[in-house]
Amino acid sequence: MSTVPSRQTRPEPGILRDVPIFRDLDEGVLRRLSDIGELIASTDGTLLCRQGELADRLHVLIEGQVALSNMAPNGVSAVVDVVRPGGHFVLATVLARLPYILNAQAVAQSRLVVFAAADLLALLQDAPSLAAALMRAEAQDFRALVRQVCDLKLRTTAQRLGCYLLSLSKDPAGNSASLRLPFDKRLLAARLGCRQENLSRAFAALRGVGVETHGARVVLHDIARLKDYAEPDDFSEAEFA
């Protein structure tokens, strides 16, 4: 397993503009972020940060996928989440200068922008718009965590899978969709908080509400029926963006 990503160059401000947490910053702040950022490339298997080490970098994913996992004292490891392009990790730990509580490993060829924690915290001192952006990002991270906990407590595995598939649909007004799973089913099971065999049973249960699978390709034949079954939250995050 590689632990050292290959180093490249400073990110252009335009790259940072495409990152959701930075999209509303003015050009001056983006240029200053660019000056302290580093664009890196990581191969599949690269370990980007290690549980227990001091959080000294904020990572923003531009391309690829990164799995976040935690290892228990007995050596058992579990994937907590899979970060997709535009996502970041692990903001709260970096801002508080605490040890990482997660391992982060690239699970595909990836490109990231990395900010040294010391440089980022120094910039926050005189860039209030950046401080506000990171506060909002951290609030959204907390909100996502709470929703994940609620999902685990209130929905079955099949319902959680149904909600996840609905979130991948590009046309919320349509009643059918064809999509591809963004990562393999091992990671999807971990993302949903279940074992792979439970994920297989969940896909089987969803056949009855019009979900058809062909490897990584999934067809939703009756989105209205799937919504009735999975009972997704009845509000859109976009309403509050």
C-alpha atoms as a PDB file:
ATOM      1  CA  MET A   1       0.000   0.000   0.000  1.00  0.00           C
ATOM      2  CA  SER A   2       1.395   3.368  -1.017  1.00  0.00           C
ATOM      3  CA  THR A   3       1.411   6.102   1.628  1.00  0.00           C
ATOM      4  CA  VAL A   4       2.981   8.944  -0.369  1.00  0.00           C
ATOM      5  CA  PRO A   5       0.947  10.646  -3.114  1.00  0.00           C
ATOM      6  CA  SER A   6       2.880  12.126  -6.004  1.00  0.00           C
ATOM      7  CA  ARG A   7       3.262  15.900  -5.755  1.00  0.00           C
ATOM      8  CA  GLN A   8       2.356  18.202  -8.596  1.00  0.00           C
ATOM      9  CA  THR A   9       1.670  21.928  -8.441  1.00  0.00           C
ATOM     10  CA  ARG A  10      -0.438  24.757  -7.066  1.00  0.00           C
ATOM     11  CA  PRO A  11      -4.138  24.537  -7.963  1.00  0.00           C
ATOM     12  CA  GLU A  12      -5.534  27.178 -10.285  1.00  0.00           C
ATOM     13  CA  PRO A  13      -8.245  29.368  -8.697  1.00  0.00           C
ATOM     14  CA  GLY A  14     -10.684  28.001 -11.290  1.00  0.00           C
ATOM     15  CA  ILE A  15     -10.247  24.497  -9.875  1.00  0.00           C
ATOM     16  CA  LEU A  16     -11.082  25.776  -6.400  1.00  0.00           C
ATOM     17  CA  ARG A  17     -14.113  27.670  -7.714  1.00  0.00           C
ATOM     18  CA  ASP A  18     -15.649  24.334  -8.730  1.00  0.00           C
ATOM     19  CA  VAL A  19     -15.411  23.009  -5.157  1.00  0.00           C
ATOM     20  CA  PRO A  20     -18.755  23.518  -3.349  1.00  0.00           C
ATOM     21  CA  ILE A  21     -17.240  24.814  -0.102  1.00  0.00           C
ATOM     22  CA  PHE A  22     -15.295  27.507  -1.996  1.00  0.00           C
ATOM     23  CA  ARG A  23     -17.791  28.437  -4.715  1.00  0.00           C
ATOM     24  CA  ASP A  24     -18.952  31.749  -3.147  1.00  0.00           C
ATOM     25  CA  LEU A  25     -15.516  33.131  -2.279  1.00  0.00           C
ATOM     26  CA  ASP A  26     -14.231  36.186  -4.125  1.00  0.00           C
ATOM     27  CA  GLU A  27     -11.279  35.963  -6.489  1.00  0.00           C
ATOM     28  CA  GLY A  28      -8.843  37.452  -3.996  1.00  0.00           C
ATOM     29  CA  VAL A  29      -9.510  34.786  -1.383  1.00  0.00           C
ATOM     30  CA  LEU A  30      -9.404  32.060  -4.023  1.00  0.00           C
ATOM     31  CA  ARG A  31      -5.978  33.269  -5.163  1.00  0.00           C
ATOM     32  CA  ARG A  32      -4.711  33.208  -1.588  1.00  0.00           C
ATOM     33  CA  LEU A  33      -6.096  29.690  -1.165  1.00  0.00           C
ATOM     34  CA  SER A  34      -4.360  28.712  -4.379  1.00  0.00           C
ATOM     35  CA  ASP A  35      -1.072  30.030  -2.995  1.00  0.00           C
ATOM     36  CA  ILE A  36      -1.247  27.742   0.055  1.00  0.00           C
ATOM     37  CA  GLY A  37      -2.752  24.716  -1.705  1.00  0.00           C
ATOM     38  CA  GLU A  38      -1.014  21.835  -3.407  1.00  0.00           C
ATOM     39  CA  LEU A  39      -2.478  19.712  -6.173  1.00  0.00           C
ATOM     40  CA  ILE A  40      -1.537  16.062  -5.751  1.00  0.00           C
ATOM     41  CA  ALA A  41      -2.228  12.831  -7.626  1.00  0.00           C
ATOM     42  CA  SER A  42      -2.839   9.574  -5.763  1.00  0.00           C
ATOM     43  CA  THR A  43      -2.978   6.054  -7.094  1.00  0.00           C
ATOM     44  CA  ASP A  44      -5.499   3.454  -5.971  1.00  0.00           C
ATOM     45  CA  GLY A  45      -4.440   2.315  -2.497  1.00  0.00           C
ATOM     46  CA  THR A  46      -2.642   5.507  -1.436  1.00  0.00           C
ATOM     47  CA  LEU A  47      -3.087   6.197   2.274  1.00  0.00           C
ATOM     48  CA  LEU A  48      -3.725   9.921   2.581  1.00  0.00           C
ATOM     49  CA  CYS A  49      -4.092  10.251   6.341  1.00  0.00           C
ATOM     50  CA  ARG A  50      -3.766   7.815   9.208  1.00  0.00           C
ATOM     51  CA  GLN A  51      -5.969   7.412  12.269  1.00  0.00           C
ATOM     52  CA  GLY A  52      -4.265   8.690  15.431  1.00  0.00           C
ATOM     53  CA  GLU A  53      -1.846  11.096  13.720  1.00  0.00           C
ATOM     54  CA  LEU A  54      -2.166  14.855  14.179  1.00  0.00           C
ATOM     55  CA  ALA A  55      -4.512  16.367  11.613  1.00  0.00           C
ATOM     56  CA  ASP A  56      -2.124  18.627   9.719  1.00  0.00           C
ATOM     57  CA  ARG A  57      -3.856  18.842   6.304  1.00  0.00           C
ATOM     58  CA  LEU A  58      -7.285  19.506   4.834  1.00  0.00           C
ATOM     59  CA  HIS A  59      -7.975  17.376   1.755  1.00  0.00           C
ATOM     60  CA  VAL A  60     -10.377  18.393  -1.015  1.00  0.00           C
ATOM     61  CA  LEU A  61     -11.145  15.750  -3.638  1.00  0.00           C
ATOM     62  CA  ILE A  62     -11.135  16.929  -7.269  1.00  0.00           C
ATOM     63  CA  GLU A  63     -11.279  13.574  -9.086  1.00  0.00           C
ATOM     64  CA  GLY A  64     -11.575   9.957  -7.956  1.00  0.00           C
ATOM     65  CA  GLN A  65     -12.833   8.375  -4.738  1.00  0.00           C
ATOM     66  CA  VAL A  66     -11.518   8.180  -1.182  1.00  0.00           C
ATOM     67  CA  ALA A  67     -12.719   5.732   1.477  1.00  0.00           C
ATOM     68  CA  LEU A  68     -12.807   6.896   5.095  1.00  0.00           C
ATOM     69  CA  SER A  69     -12.481   4.104   7.661  1.00  0.00           C
ATOM     70  CA  ASN A  70     -11.987   3.593  11.368  1.00  0.00           C
ATOM     71  CA  MET A  71     -10.133   0.743  13.063  1.00  0.00           C
ATOM     72  CA  ALA A  72     -11.198  -0.556  16.471  1.00  0.00           C
ATOM     73  CA  PRO A  73      -8.604  -1.537  19.122  1.00  0.00           C
ATOM     74  CA  ASN A  74      -9.158  -5.211  18.248  1.00  0.00           C
ATOM     75  CA  GLY A  75      -8.106  -4.566  14.650  1.00  0.00           C
ATOM     76  CA  VAL A  76     -11.564  -4.682  13.092  1.00  0.00           C
ATOM     77  CA  SER A  77     -11.903  -1.966  10.436  1.00  0.00           C
ATOM     78  CA  ALA A  78     -15.057  -0.463   8.944  1.00  0.00           C
ATOM     79  CA  VAL A  79     -15.587   2.008   6.117  1.00  0.00           C
ATOM     80  CA  VAL A  80     -17.511   5.019   7.414  1.00  0.00           C
ATOM     81  CA  ASP A  81     -17.999   6.917   4.168  1.00  0.00           C
ATOM     82  CA  VAL A  82     -16.785   7.252   0.596  1.00  0.00           C
ATOM     83  CA  VAL A  83     -15.855  10.766  -0.518  1.00  0.00           C
ATOM     84  CA  ARG A  84     -16.691  11.730  -4.082  1.00  0.00           C
ATOM     85  CA  PRO A  85     -15.379  14.631  -6.207  1.00  0.00           C
ATOM     86  CA  GLY A  86     -16.132  18.002  -4.649  1.00  0.00           C
ATOM     87  CA  GLY A  87     -16.055  16.518  -1.149  1.00  0.00           C
ATOM     88  CA  HIS A  88     -13.541  17.157   1.611  1.00  0.00           C
ATOM     89  CA  PHE A  89     -12.117  15.483   4.709  1.00  0.00           C
ATOM     90  CA  VAL A  90     -11.673  15.833   7.654  1.00  0.00           C
ATOM     91  CA  LEU A  91     -12.521  19.471   8.271  1.00  0.00           C
ATOM     92  CA  ALA A  92     -13.502  19.521  11.952  1.00  0.00           C
ATOM     93  CA  THR A  93     -10.411  17.619  13.038  1.00  0.00           C
ATOM     94  CA  VAL A  94      -8.143  19.940  11.049  1.00  0.00           C
ATOM     95  CA  LEU A  95      -9.721  23.115  12.444  1.00  0.00           C
ATOM     96  CA  ALA A  96      -9.438  21.812  16.008  1.00  0.00           C
ATOM     97  CA  ARG A  97      -5.891  20.502  15.442  1.00  0.00           C
ATOM     98  CA  LEU A  98      -6.827  17.125  16.902  1.00  0.00           C
ATOM     99  CA  PRO A  99      -5.670  13.638  15.841  1.00  0.00           C
ATOM    100  CA  TYR A 100      -7.378  12.053  12.858  1.00  0.00           C
ATOM    101  CA  ILE A 101     -10.108   9.638  13.922  1.00  0.00           C
ATOM    102  CA  LEU A 102     -10.266   8.141  10.423  1.00  0.00           C
ATOM    103  CA  ASN A 103      -7.974   6.609   7.866  1.00  0.00           C
ATOM    104  CA  ALA A 104      -8.386   8.025   4.366  1.00  0.00           C
ATOM    105  CA  GLN A 105      -7.370   5.849   1.427  1.00  0.00           C
ATOM    106  CA  ALA A 106      -7.762   6.491  -2.307  1.00  0.00           C
ATOM    107  CA  VAL A 107      -9.812   3.709  -3.873  1.00  0.00           C
ATOM    108  CA  ALA A 108      -9.328   4.957  -7.424  1.00  0.00           C
ATOM    109  CA  GLN A 109      -6.900   7.155  -9.320  1.00  0.00           C
ATOM    110  CA  SER A 110      -7.505  10.506  -7.640  1.00  0.00           C
ATOM    111  CA  ARG A 111      -6.551  14.155  -7.703  1.00  0.00           C
ATOM    112  CA  LEU A 112      -6.781  16.272  -4.564  1.00  0.00           C
ATOM    113  CA  VAL A 113      -5.972  19.729  -3.318  1.00  0.00           C
ATOM    114  CA  VAL A 114      -4.234  19.664   0.062  1.00  0.00           C
ATOM    115  CA  PHE A 115      -3.966  22.618   2.434  1.00  0.00           C
ATOM    116  CA  ALA A 116      -1.529  22.579   5.342  1.00  0.00           C
ATOM    117  CA  ALA A 117      -3.534  23.175   8.534  1.00  0.00           C
ATOM    118  CA  ALA A 118      -1.149  25.873   9.794  1.00  0.00           C
ATOM    119  CA  ASP A 119      -1.419  27.853   6.540  1.00  0.00           C
ATOM    120  CA  LEU A 120      -5.195  27.459   6.407  1.00  0.00           C
ATOM    121  CA  LEU A 121      -5.673  28.605  10.016  1.00  0.00           C
ATOM    122  CA  ALA A 122      -3.430  31.610   9.405  1.00  0.00           C
ATOM    123  CA  LEU A 123      -5.475  32.608   6.356  1.00  0.00           C
ATOM    124  CA  LEU A 124      -8.696  32.334   8.370  1.00  0.00           C
ATOM    125  CA  GLN A 125      -7.477  35.125  10.659  1.00  0.00           C
ATOM    126  CA  ASP A 126      -7.998  37.811   7.996  1.00  0.00           C
ATOM    127  CA  ALA A 127     -10.389  36.143   5.532  1.00  0.00           C
ATOM    128  CA  PRO A 128     -13.811  36.179   7.242  1.00  0.00           C
ATOM    129  CA  SER A 129     -15.568  34.966   4.084  1.00  0.00           C
ATOM    130  CA  LEU A 130     -13.410  31.819   4.158  1.00  0.00           C
ATOM    131  CA  ALA A 131     -14.157  31.325   7.856  1.00  0.00           C
ATOM    132  CA  ALA A 132     -17.884  31.588   7.118  1.00  0.00           C
ATOM    133  CA  ALA A 133     -17.577  29.126   4.222  1.00  0.00           C
ATOM    134  CA  LEU A 134     -15.781  26.562   6.371  1.00  0.00           C
ATOM    135  CA  MET A 135     -18.289  27.028   9.214  1.00  0.00           C
ATOM    136  CA  ARG A 136     -21.114  26.329   6.758  1.00  0.00           C
ATOM    137  CA  ALA A 137     -19.270  23.297   5.402  1.00  0.00           C
ATOM    138  CA  GLU A 138     -18.771  21.944   8.904  1.00  0.00           C
ATOM    139  CA  ALA A 139     -22.452  22.497   9.708  1.00  0.00           C
ATOM    140  CA  GLN A 140     -23.386  20.546   6.569  1.00  0.00           C
ATOM    141  CA  ASP A 141     -20.984  17.754   7.567  1.00  0.00           C
ATOM    142  CA  PHE A 142     -22.662  17.541  10.971  1.00  0.00           C
ATOM    143  CA  ARG A 143     -26.091  17.555   9.369  1.00  0.00           C
ATOM    144  CA  ALA A 144     -25.085  14.699   7.051  1.00  0.00           C
ATOM    145  CA  LEU A 145     -23.799  12.722  10.034  1.00  0.00           C
ATOM    146  CA  VAL A 146     -27.059  13.202  11.938  1.00  0.00           C
ATOM    147  CA  ARG A 147     -29.065  12.119   8.912  1.00  0.00           C
ATOM    148  CA  GLN A 148     -26.888   9.021   8.557  1.00  0.00           C
ATOM    149  CA  VAL A 149     -27.531   8.112  12.201  1.00  0.00           C
ATOM    150  CA  CYS A 150     -31.262   8.665  11.709  1.00  0.00           C
ATOM    151  CA  ASP A 151     -31.201   6.440   8.623  1.00  0.00           C
ATOM    152  CA  LEU A 152     -29.534   3.644  10.580  1.00  0.00           C
ATOM    153  CA  LYS A 153     -32.122   3.874  13.350  1.00  0.00           C
ATOM    154  CA  LEU A 154     -35.292   4.517  11.358  1.00  0.00           C
ATOM    155  CA  ARG A 155     -34.914   2.697   8.033  1.00  0.00           C
ATOM    156  CA  THR A 156     -34.273  -0.883   7.003  1.00  0.00           C
ATOM    157  CA  THR A 157     -31.268  -1.704   4.833  1.00  0.00           C
ATOM    158  CA  ALA A 158     -33.518  -1.956   1.782  1.00  0.00           C
ATOM    159  CA  GLN A 159     -35.055   1.441   2.530  1.00  0.00           C
ATOM    160  CA  ARG A 160     -31.602   3.000   2.977  1.00  0.00           C
ATOM    161  CA  LEU A 161     -30.528   1.509  -0.331  1.00  0.00           C
ATOM    162  CA  GLY A 162     -33.686   2.833  -1.976  1.00  0.00           C
ATOM    163  CA  CYS A 163     -33.035   6.336  -0.652  1.00  0.00           C
ATOM    164  CA  TYR A 164     -29.451   6.168  -1.870  1.00  0.00           C
ATOM    165  CA  LEU A 165     -30.497   5.086  -5.370  1.00  0.00           C
ATOM    166  CA  LEU A 166     -33.062   7.886  -5.477  1.00  0.00           C
ATOM    167  CA  SER A 167     -30.315  10.371  -4.608  1.00  0.00           C
ATOM    168  CA  LEU A 168     -28.391   9.260  -7.713  1.00  0.00           C
ATOM    169  CA  SER A 169     -31.289   9.986 -10.059  1.00  0.00           C
ATOM    170  CA  LYS A 170     -30.601  13.085 -12.179  1.00  0.00           C
ATOM    171  CA  ASP A 171     -34.244  13.853 -12.963  1.00  0.00           C
ATOM    172  CA  PRO A 172     -36.316  14.250  -9.786  1.00  0.00           C
ATOM    173  CA  ALA A 173     -39.456  14.882 -11.865  1.00  0.00           C
ATOM    174  CA  GLY A 174     -39.143  11.688 -13.905  1.00  0.00           C
ATOM    175  CA  ASN A 175     -40.572   8.294 -12.999  1.00  0.00           C
ATOM    176  CA  SER A 176     -37.720   6.177 -14.364  1.00  0.00           C
ATOM    177  CA  ALA A 177     -33.950   6.417 -14.451  1.00  0.00           C
ATOM    178  CA  SER A 178     -30.876   4.486 -15.539  1.00  0.00           C
ATOM    179  CA  LEU A 179     -27.756   5.017 -13.447  1.00  0.00           C
ATOM    180  CA  ARG A 180     -24.415   3.519 -12.486  1.00  0.00           C
ATOM    181  CA  LEU A 181     -23.256   2.866  -8.949  1.00  0.00           C
ATOM    182  CA  PRO A 182     -20.342   5.253  -8.261  1.00  0.00           C
ATOM    183  CA  PHE A 183     -18.311   2.602  -6.436  1.00  0.00           C
ATOM    184  CA  ASP A 184     -18.249  -1.166  -5.943  1.00  0.00           C
ATOM    185  CA  LYS A 185     -20.814  -2.978  -3.839  1.00  0.00           C
ATOM    186  CA  ARG A 186     -18.326  -3.677  -1.041  1.00  0.00           C
ATOM    187  CA  LEU A 187     -17.958   0.066  -0.471  1.00  0.00           C
ATOM    188  CA  LEU A 188     -21.675   0.641  -1.020  1.00  0.00           C
ATOM    189  CA  ALA A 189     -22.495  -1.868   1.724  1.00  0.00           C
ATOM    190  CA  ALA A 190     -20.117  -0.078   4.071  1.00  0.00           C
ATOM    191  CA  ARG A 191     -21.603   3.285   3.079  1.00  0.00           C
ATOM    192  CA  LEU A 192     -25.077   1.987   3.985  1.00  0.00           C
ATOM    193  CA  GLY A 193     -23.911   0.416   7.246  1.00  0.00           C
ATOM    194  CA  CYS A 194     -24.526  -3.236   6.343  1.00  0.00           C
ATOM    195  CA  ARG A 195     -22.740  -6.396   5.242  1.00  0.00           C
ATOM    196  CA  GLN A 196     -22.443  -7.363   1.580  1.00  0.00           C
ATOM    197  CA  GLU A 197     -24.855 -10.255   1.998  1.00  0.00           C
ATOM    198  CA  ASN A 198     -27.417  -7.857   3.491  1.00  0.00           C
ATOM    199  CA  LEU A 199     -26.902  -5.510   0.537  1.00  0.00           C
ATOM    200  CA  SER A 200     -27.658  -8.377  -1.862  1.00  0.00           C
ATOM    201  CA  ARG A 201     -30.876  -9.104   0.037  1.00  0.00           C
ATOM    202  CA  ALA A 202     -31.770  -5.400  -0.081  1.00  0.00           C
ATOM    203  CA  PHE A 203     -31.363  -5.303  -3.865  1.00  0.00           C
ATOM    204  CA  ALA A 204     -33.547  -8.409  -4.068  1.00  0.00           C
ATOM    205  CA  ALA A 205     -36.217  -6.725  -1.953  1.00  0.00           C
ATOM    206  CA  LEU A 206     -36.199  -3.679  -4.226  1.00  0.00           C
ATOM    207  CA  ARG A 207     -36.955  -5.770  -7.316  1.00  0.00           C
ATOM    208  CA  GLY A 208     -40.548  -5.758  -6.144  1.00  0.00           C
ATOM    209  CA  VAL A 209     -40.672  -1.958  -6.464  1.00  0.00           C
ATOM    210  CA  GLY A 210     -39.135  -1.768  -9.915  1.00  0.00           C
ATOM    211  CA  VAL A 211     -35.373  -1.764  -9.277  1.00  0.00           C
ATOM    212  CA  GLU A 212     -33.416  -3.763 -11.863  1.00  0.00           C
ATOM    213  CA  THR A 213     -29.667  -4.393 -11.579  1.00  0.00           C
ATOM    214  CA  HIS A 214     -27.033  -5.431 -14.100  1.00  0.00           C
ATOM    215  CA  GLY A 215     -23.729  -5.313 -12.247  1.00  0.00           C
ATOM    216  CA  ALA A 216     -22.966  -1.643 -11.604  1.00  0.00           C
ATOM    217  CA  ARG A 217     -25.860  -0.476 -13.787  1.00  0.00           C
ATOM    218  CA  VAL A 218     -29.186   0.080 -12.038  1.00  0.00           C
ATOM    219  CA  VAL A 219     -32.536   0.852 -13.646  1.00  0.00           C
ATOM    220  CA  LEU A 220     -35.334   2.445 -11.643  1.00  0.00           C
ATOM    221  CA  HIS A 221     -38.547   1.564 -13.483  1.00  0.00           C
ATOM    222  CA  ASP A 222     -41.020   3.162 -11.045  1.00  0.00           C
ATOM    223  CA  ILE A 223     -39.543   6.006  -8.986  1.00  0.00           C
ATOM    224  CA  ALA A 224     -42.895   6.898  -7.413  1.00  0.00           C
ATOM    225  CA  ARG A 225     -43.301   3.349  -6.114  1.00  0.00           C
ATOM    226  CA  LEU A 226     -39.701   3.284  -4.876  1.00  0.00           C
ATOM    227  CA  LYS A 227     -40.290   6.553  -2.988  1.00  0.00           C
ATOM    228  CA  ASP A 228     -43.389   5.091  -1.334  1.00  0.00           C
ATOM    229  CA  TYR A 229     -41.322   2.117  -0.205  1.00  0.00           C
ATOM    230  CA  ALA A 230     -38.104   3.881   0.878  1.00  0.00           C
ATOM    231  CA  GLU A 231     -39.771   6.968   2.378  1.00  0.00           C
ATOM    232  CA  PRO A 232     -36.961   9.464   1.669  1.00  0.00           C
ATOM    233  CA  ASP A 233     -36.920  12.781   3.487  1.00  0.00           C
ATOM    234  CA  ASP A 234     -39.543  15.075   1.993  1.00  0.00           C
ATOM    235  CA  PHE A 235     -37.341  18.148   1.656  1.00  0.00           C
ATOM    236  CA  SER A 236     -34.498  19.098  -0.637  1.00  0.00           C
ATOM    237  CA  GLU A 237     -31.113  20.267   0.536  1.00  0.00           C
ATOM    238  CA  ALA A 238     -31.161  22.692  -2.405  1.00  0.00           C
ATOM    239  CA  GLU A 239     -33.944  24.640  -0.696  1.00  0.00           C
ATOM    240  CA  PHE A 240     -31.484  25.701   1.981  1.00  0.00           C
ATOM    241  CA  ALA A 241     -28.334  26.108  -0.143  1.00  0.00           C
END
